[in-house]
Protein backbone atom coordinates (compact mmCIF):
# COMPACT_ATOMS: atom_id res chain seq x y z
CA UNK A 1 61.43 -5.96 73.43
CA UNK A 2 58.84 -3.35 72.15
CA UNK A 3 60.13 0.31 71.63
CA UNK A 4 57.99 3.38 71.18
CA UNK A 5 59.85 5.89 69.01
CA UNK A 6 58.36 9.30 69.12
CA UNK A 7 59.09 11.40 66.07
CA UNK A 8 60.04 8.20 64.32
CA UNK A 9 59.07 9.63 60.80
CA UNK A 10 61.54 12.47 61.15
CA UNK A 11 65.12 12.59 60.03
CA UNK A 12 67.01 11.07 62.92
CA UNK A 13 64.12 9.07 64.35
CA UNK A 14 63.49 7.32 61.02
CA UNK A 15 67.18 6.35 60.76
CA UNK A 16 67.06 4.81 64.22
CA UNK A 17 63.87 2.98 63.31
CA UNK A 18 65.27 1.65 59.98
CA UNK A 19 68.46 0.42 61.79
CA UNK A 20 66.61 -1.27 64.62
CA UNK A 21 64.29 -3.08 62.15
CA UNK A 22 67.20 -4.35 60.12
CA UNK A 23 68.98 -5.55 63.28
CA UNK A 24 71.94 -3.08 62.94
CA UNK A 25 72.27 -3.01 66.81
CA UNK A 26 73.09 -6.30 68.51
CA UNK A 27 71.48 -5.19 71.73
CA UNK A 28 68.18 -4.52 69.99
CA UNK A 29 68.16 -7.43 67.73
CA UNK A 30 64.53 -8.60 67.18
CA UNK A 31 62.93 -5.59 68.76
CA UNK A 32 59.48 -4.32 67.78
CA UNK A 33 59.03 -0.68 66.95
CA UNK A 34 55.99 1.39 67.38
CA UNK A 35 56.39 4.85 65.73
CA UNK A 36 54.39 7.76 67.05
CA UNK A 37 54.46 10.87 64.98
CA UNK A 38 52.23 13.83 64.35
CA UNK A 39 53.50 14.03 60.70
CA UNK A 40 54.01 17.84 60.92
CA UNK A 41 55.95 19.49 58.12
CA UNK A 42 59.06 17.48 58.53
CA UNK A 43 57.62 14.16 59.51
CA UNK A 44 57.37 11.96 56.48
CA UNK A 45 56.30 8.39 56.15
CA UNK A 46 58.38 7.99 53.01
CA UNK A 47 61.32 8.00 55.44
CA UNK A 48 60.03 4.65 56.76
CA UNK A 49 59.13 3.15 53.35
CA UNK A 50 62.17 0.76 53.45
CA UNK A 51 60.84 -0.97 56.61
CA UNK A 52 57.10 -0.40 56.21
CA UNK A 53 56.48 -4.02 55.41
CA UNK A 54 58.38 -5.30 58.48
CA UNK A 55 56.07 -7.44 60.79
CA UNK A 56 58.01 -5.68 63.64
CA UNK A 57 56.84 -2.20 62.68
CA UNK A 58 53.74 -0.42 63.49
CA UNK A 59 52.72 3.26 63.30
CA UNK A 60 50.40 5.59 65.20
CA UNK A 61 49.51 9.10 63.85
CA UNK A 62 49.27 11.21 66.94
CA UNK A 63 50.60 14.10 68.99
CA UNK A 64 52.76 13.42 72.06
CA UNK A 65 50.78 16.14 73.82
CA UNK A 66 47.60 14.12 73.64
CA UNK A 67 47.30 11.85 76.77
CA UNK A 68 44.68 9.76 75.24
CA UNK A 69 47.03 8.87 72.30
CA UNK A 70 49.75 8.06 74.72
CA UNK A 71 47.58 5.93 76.97
CA UNK A 72 46.50 3.89 74.01
CA UNK A 73 50.03 3.41 72.59
CA UNK A 74 52.03 2.65 75.78
CA UNK A 75 50.60 -0.64 77.04
CA UNK A 76 53.04 -3.40 76.23
CA UNK A 77 55.89 -0.95 75.51
CA UNK A 78 59.23 -1.72 77.39
CA UNK A 79 61.19 1.31 76.26
CA UNK A 80 60.69 4.82 74.73
CA UNK A 81 63.10 6.70 72.63
CA UNK A 82 61.89 10.32 72.50
CA UNK A 83 62.96 12.17 69.27
CA UNK A 84 59.83 14.13 68.77
CA UNK A 85 60.67 17.82 68.66
CA UNK A 86 60.54 21.01 66.66
CA UNK A 87 64.19 21.60 65.77
CA UNK A 88 64.85 24.37 63.35
CA UNK A 89 66.47 27.38 64.93
CA UNK A 90 65.38 29.83 62.24
CA UNK A 91 61.80 28.85 62.72
CA UNK A 92 62.09 29.24 66.45
CA UNK A 93 63.43 32.83 66.02
CA UNK A 94 60.32 33.63 63.86
CA UNK A 95 57.75 31.88 66.13
CA UNK A 96 58.75 30.18 69.40
CA UNK A 97 55.30 28.89 70.33
CA UNK A 98 55.41 25.56 68.44
CA UNK A 99 58.76 24.91 70.17
CA UNK A 100 57.31 25.50 73.60
CA UNK A 101 54.19 23.44 72.79
CA UNK A 102 56.00 20.38 71.48
CA UNK A 103 59.38 20.35 73.04
CA UNK A 104 58.31 21.38 76.58
CA UNK A 105 54.55 20.51 76.95
CA UNK A 106 54.85 17.41 74.80
CA UNK A 107 57.88 16.13 76.76
CA UNK A 108 55.90 16.72 79.98
CA UNK A 109 52.97 14.74 78.73
CA UNK A 110 55.14 11.92 77.65
CA UNK A 111 57.01 11.79 80.99
CA UNK A 112 53.72 11.61 82.78
CA UNK A 113 52.42 8.79 80.56
CA UNK A 114 55.61 6.92 81.01
CA UNK A 115 55.20 7.03 84.88
CA UNK A 116 51.50 6.01 84.51
CA UNK A 117 52.33 3.03 82.44
CA UNK A 118 55.51 2.02 84.43
CA UNK A 119 57.95 2.20 81.48
CA UNK A 120 61.08 0.37 82.18
CA UNK A 121 63.42 2.51 80.23
CA UNK A 122 63.50 5.74 78.28
CA UNK A 123 66.04 7.89 76.35
CA UNK A 124 65.44 11.49 75.79
CA UNK A 125 67.18 12.88 72.68
CA UNK A 126 68.54 16.43 73.20
CA UNK A 127 71.12 18.70 71.61
CA UNK A 128 74.47 20.38 72.23
CA UNK A 129 72.78 23.66 71.62
CA UNK A 130 71.56 23.69 75.16
CA UNK A 131 75.10 24.50 76.39
CA UNK A 132 75.21 27.78 74.50
CA UNK A 133 78.49 28.77 72.79
CA UNK A 134 82.08 27.90 73.60
CA UNK A 135 85.12 29.73 72.47
CA UNK A 136 87.75 27.06 73.40
CA UNK A 137 87.78 23.47 74.49
CA UNK A 138 84.63 21.17 74.65
CA UNK A 139 81.70 20.82 76.86
CA UNK A 140 81.29 17.83 79.16
CA UNK A 141 78.01 16.75 80.48
CA UNK A 142 78.39 18.80 83.68
CA UNK A 143 78.48 22.15 81.95
CA UNK A 144 75.78 24.62 82.83
CA UNK A 145 72.91 25.23 80.43
CA UNK A 146 73.13 28.55 78.55
CA UNK A 147 70.76 28.22 75.59
CA UNK A 148 70.73 31.22 73.27
CA UNK A 149 67.99 30.53 70.85
CA UNK A 150 64.28 29.79 71.60
CA UNK A 151 64.83 26.28 70.10
CA UNK A 152 67.72 25.65 72.37
CA UNK A 153 65.81 26.99 75.43
CA UNK A 154 62.99 24.71 74.74
CA UNK A 155 65.25 21.76 74.61
CA UNK A 156 67.12 22.72 77.74
CA UNK A 157 63.53 23.07 79.45
CA UNK A 158 62.66 19.57 78.33
CA UNK A 159 66.01 18.28 79.65
CA UNK A 160 65.25 19.75 83.04
CA UNK A 161 61.89 18.14 83.13
CA UNK A 162 63.44 14.72 82.35
CA UNK A 163 65.91 15.26 85.22
CA UNK A 164 63.02 16.05 87.59
CA UNK A 165 60.93 13.07 86.58
CA UNK A 166 63.93 10.86 87.11
CA UNK A 167 64.64 12.35 90.56
CA UNK A 168 60.95 12.72 91.70
CA UNK A 169 59.33 9.63 90.05
CA UNK A 170 62.31 7.36 89.67
CA UNK A 171 61.78 7.04 85.92
CA UNK A 172 64.70 5.18 84.33
CA UNK A 173 65.64 7.71 81.83
CA UNK A 174 68.87 8.98 80.28
CA UNK A 175 69.52 12.15 78.15
CA UNK A 176 71.68 12.29 74.99
CA UNK A 177 73.03 15.57 73.63
CA UNK A 178 74.27 15.37 70.02
CA UNK A 179 76.21 17.77 67.72
CA UNK A 180 75.03 18.70 64.19
CA UNK A 181 73.64 15.73 62.35
CA UNK A 182 73.97 15.08 58.60
CA UNK A 183 72.80 12.13 56.38
CA UNK A 184 70.16 10.86 54.01
CA UNK A 185 66.47 11.85 54.50
CA UNK A 186 67.40 15.11 56.01
CA UNK A 187 64.66 17.76 55.61
CA UNK A 188 65.81 20.17 52.86
CA UNK A 189 65.59 23.35 54.95
CA UNK A 190 68.69 22.34 57.03
CA UNK A 191 72.10 23.55 56.00
CA UNK A 192 73.69 20.61 54.23
CA UNK A 193 70.59 19.49 52.24
CA UNK A 194 69.57 23.04 51.43
CA UNK A 195 72.97 23.83 50.05
CA UNK A 196 73.36 20.56 48.22
CA UNK A 197 70.01 20.76 46.55
CA UNK A 198 70.37 24.48 45.52
CA UNK A 199 73.90 24.05 44.28
CA UNK A 200 73.16 21.00 42.07
CA UNK A 201 70.35 22.83 40.49
CA UNK A 202 72.38 25.96 39.66
CA UNK A 203 71.04 28.14 42.56
CA UNK A 204 72.60 30.22 45.13
CA UNK A 205 73.12 29.55 48.90
CA UNK A 206 73.04 31.95 51.83
CA UNK A 207 76.05 32.21 54.18
CA UNK A 208 75.31 33.81 57.55
CA UNK A 209 77.55 36.59 58.75
CA UNK A 210 81.32 36.10 58.25
CA UNK A 211 80.79 32.28 57.94
CA UNK A 212 83.15 31.61 60.83
CA UNK A 213 80.68 29.83 63.07
CA UNK A 214 81.99 26.35 64.03
CA UNK A 215 79.96 23.19 64.23
CA UNK A 216 80.85 19.55 64.90
CA UNK A 217 79.44 17.33 62.31
CA UNK A 218 77.91 13.85 63.23
CA UNK A 219 76.70 11.27 60.87
CA UNK A 220 73.20 10.25 61.65
CA UNK A 221 74.32 6.60 61.67
CA UNK A 222 76.94 7.39 64.41
CA UNK A 223 74.39 9.35 66.41
CA UNK A 224 71.77 6.53 66.31
CA UNK A 225 74.36 3.99 67.19
CA UNK A 226 75.25 6.04 70.23
CA UNK A 227 71.57 6.28 71.24
CA UNK A 228 71.29 2.45 70.95
CA UNK A 229 74.36 2.11 73.33
CA UNK A 230 72.63 4.47 75.81
CA UNK A 231 69.35 2.70 75.60
CA UNK A 232 71.00 -0.67 76.42
CA UNK A 233 73.66 0.31 78.81
CA UNK A 234 73.37 4.01 79.86
CA UNK A 235 72.81 4.79 83.63
CA UNK A 236 69.49 6.15 84.81
CA UNK A 237 69.62 9.92 85.26
CA UNK A 238 72.80 10.39 83.33
CA UNK A 239 73.61 12.57 80.37
CA UNK A 240 75.71 11.40 77.45
CA UNK A 241 77.22 13.69 74.78
CA UNK A 242 77.47 12.18 71.26
CA UNK A 243 79.78 13.92 68.82
CA UNK A 244 81.16 13.23 65.42
CA UNK A 245 84.72 14.63 65.83
CA UNK A 246 84.69 16.91 62.73
CA UNK A 247 84.73 20.60 63.54
CA UNK A 248 84.30 22.87 60.58
CA UNK A 249 83.36 26.55 60.14
CA UNK A 250 80.31 27.10 57.94
CA UNK A 251 82.64 28.76 55.43
CA UNK A 252 84.78 25.58 55.29
CA UNK A 253 81.74 23.33 55.01
CA UNK A 254 80.41 25.59 52.19
CA UNK A 255 83.69 25.23 50.30
CA UNK A 256 83.54 21.46 50.57
CA UNK A 257 79.85 21.53 49.29
CA UNK A 258 80.82 23.82 46.39
CA UNK A 259 83.59 21.34 45.40
CA UNK A 260 81.23 18.36 45.59
CA UNK A 261 78.59 19.98 43.37
CA UNK A 262 81.08 21.45 40.82
CA UNK A 263 80.22 25.16 41.78
CA UNK A 264 82.32 28.08 42.82
CA UNK A 265 82.01 30.91 45.40
CA UNK A 266 79.91 33.16 43.05
CA UNK A 267 77.06 30.88 44.07
CA UNK A 268 77.35 32.01 47.69
CA UNK A 269 75.39 35.04 49.01
CA UNK A 270 76.58 36.66 52.23
CA UNK A 271 73.49 37.43 54.34
CA UNK A 272 72.98 39.17 57.68
CA UNK A 273 73.76 36.99 60.68
CA UNK A 274 71.00 35.18 62.40
CA UNK A 275 69.79 36.68 65.77
CA UNK A 276 71.69 35.00 68.68
CA UNK A 277 73.85 32.89 66.37
CA UNK A 278 76.04 30.76 68.51
CA UNK A 279 79.72 30.97 67.48
CA UNK A 280 80.97 27.54 68.21
CA UNK A 281 79.84 24.03 69.49
CA UNK A 282 82.02 21.25 70.75
CA UNK A 283 81.15 18.33 72.82
CA UNK A 284 83.46 16.07 74.83
CA UNK A 285 82.50 12.56 74.23
CA UNK A 286 84.90 10.99 76.91
CA UNK A 287 82.02 9.69 79.05
CA UNK A 288 80.06 7.73 76.43
CA UNK A 289 83.42 6.54 74.98
CA UNK A 290 84.66 5.22 78.40
CA UNK A 291 81.35 3.80 79.69
CA UNK A 292 79.68 2.42 76.54
CA UNK A 293 82.51 2.05 73.94
CA UNK A 294 81.19 4.80 71.59
CA UNK A 295 83.37 6.38 68.86
CA UNK A 296 82.24 7.91 65.51
CA UNK A 297 82.78 5.46 62.74
CA UNK A 298 81.65 7.29 59.65
CA UNK A 299 84.55 9.11 57.86
CA UNK A 300 83.38 12.70 57.25
CA UNK A 301 84.65 12.97 53.66
CA UNK A 302 83.02 9.68 52.63
CA UNK A 303 79.80 10.49 54.58
CA UNK A 304 79.48 13.86 52.93
CA UNK A 305 80.11 12.47 49.42
CA UNK A 306 77.53 9.75 50.05
CA UNK A 307 75.07 12.40 51.20
CA UNK A 308 75.57 14.49 48.06
CA UNK A 309 75.01 11.50 45.89
CA UNK A 310 71.86 10.58 47.83
CA UNK A 311 70.29 13.84 47.06
CA UNK A 312 71.24 13.49 43.45
CA UNK A 313 69.56 10.03 43.35
CA UNK A 314 66.48 10.92 45.31
CA UNK A 315 64.83 13.96 43.74
CA UNK A 316 61.41 12.32 44.10
CA UNK A 317 61.91 12.43 47.94
CA UNK A 318 63.19 16.00 48.46
CA UNK A 319 61.64 18.07 45.58
CA UNK A 320 58.03 17.84 46.99
CA UNK A 321 59.21 18.71 50.47
CA UNK A 322 61.16 21.70 49.27
CA UNK A 323 58.21 22.94 47.30
CA UNK A 324 55.81 22.48 50.22
CA UNK A 325 58.17 24.28 52.56
CA UNK A 326 58.54 27.20 50.15
CA UNK A 327 62.20 26.76 49.76
CA UNK A 328 63.24 28.70 46.73
CA UNK A 329 65.47 26.79 44.42
């Protein structure tokens, strides 16, 4: 089996690639992986260094919006796992154009190419943010789309394109919608790596609003295992929520990170809330659990401790990225 992984040099995509190439998923054992990545600010070949020498790995530097690049890459590909996306909400608030360009136009170009090349199977990676915000309970896959940020709107748009190509062209594609990921190789502008790296170096961290926004935290290993299950056994045209089962307010998470880094609340700066900041996310994973046997396996306390230690041990990875992104320490 040959799998094209778009955005495979990013945080989640590279985790999936590393796991596939080390035969972590029985259903994908022996699979070859072709990574297609534009290597924008968050794409990083260092994320793939552990498997770069694998004879089953190859890389194409290119943009998913470029039909010529796709037409050159897709012959011989059996399946596509589509991670490539602009994904940082704050960046989308400042400038939505790259999110529309990559997440909407890029997905459309990839879907067209998949039809042209008769790709047998595709999984489109989306987010729980397309659902909006929920006060109580959890979203199932039938919930209407109510995105509140430009990022979430661009991902909801791409989900609708995927649905249309499935219905119109018969493309065998499933959609996954995950909760907030954490883990190693996470670009240092995101909440957990930003807080960890600043706190360990004696800096301060910003807490939006009252800090009571709730997120469900999902280890990247659990997320990618869910994706592998959907790739192998998910139904065409169906959506699968993938969650971690650990809901925390941002204030609660901040407290855990302060404790893990030996800091106190004097390191926290209360800042004005983000525009359109969703209050709570929560996904119902009953469908993927019942159909494909998924459940989160990584204990959050252990996963978070491991991540903090990973950033302690891997300054050579994150310090240049933080400096390049202009992230004040």
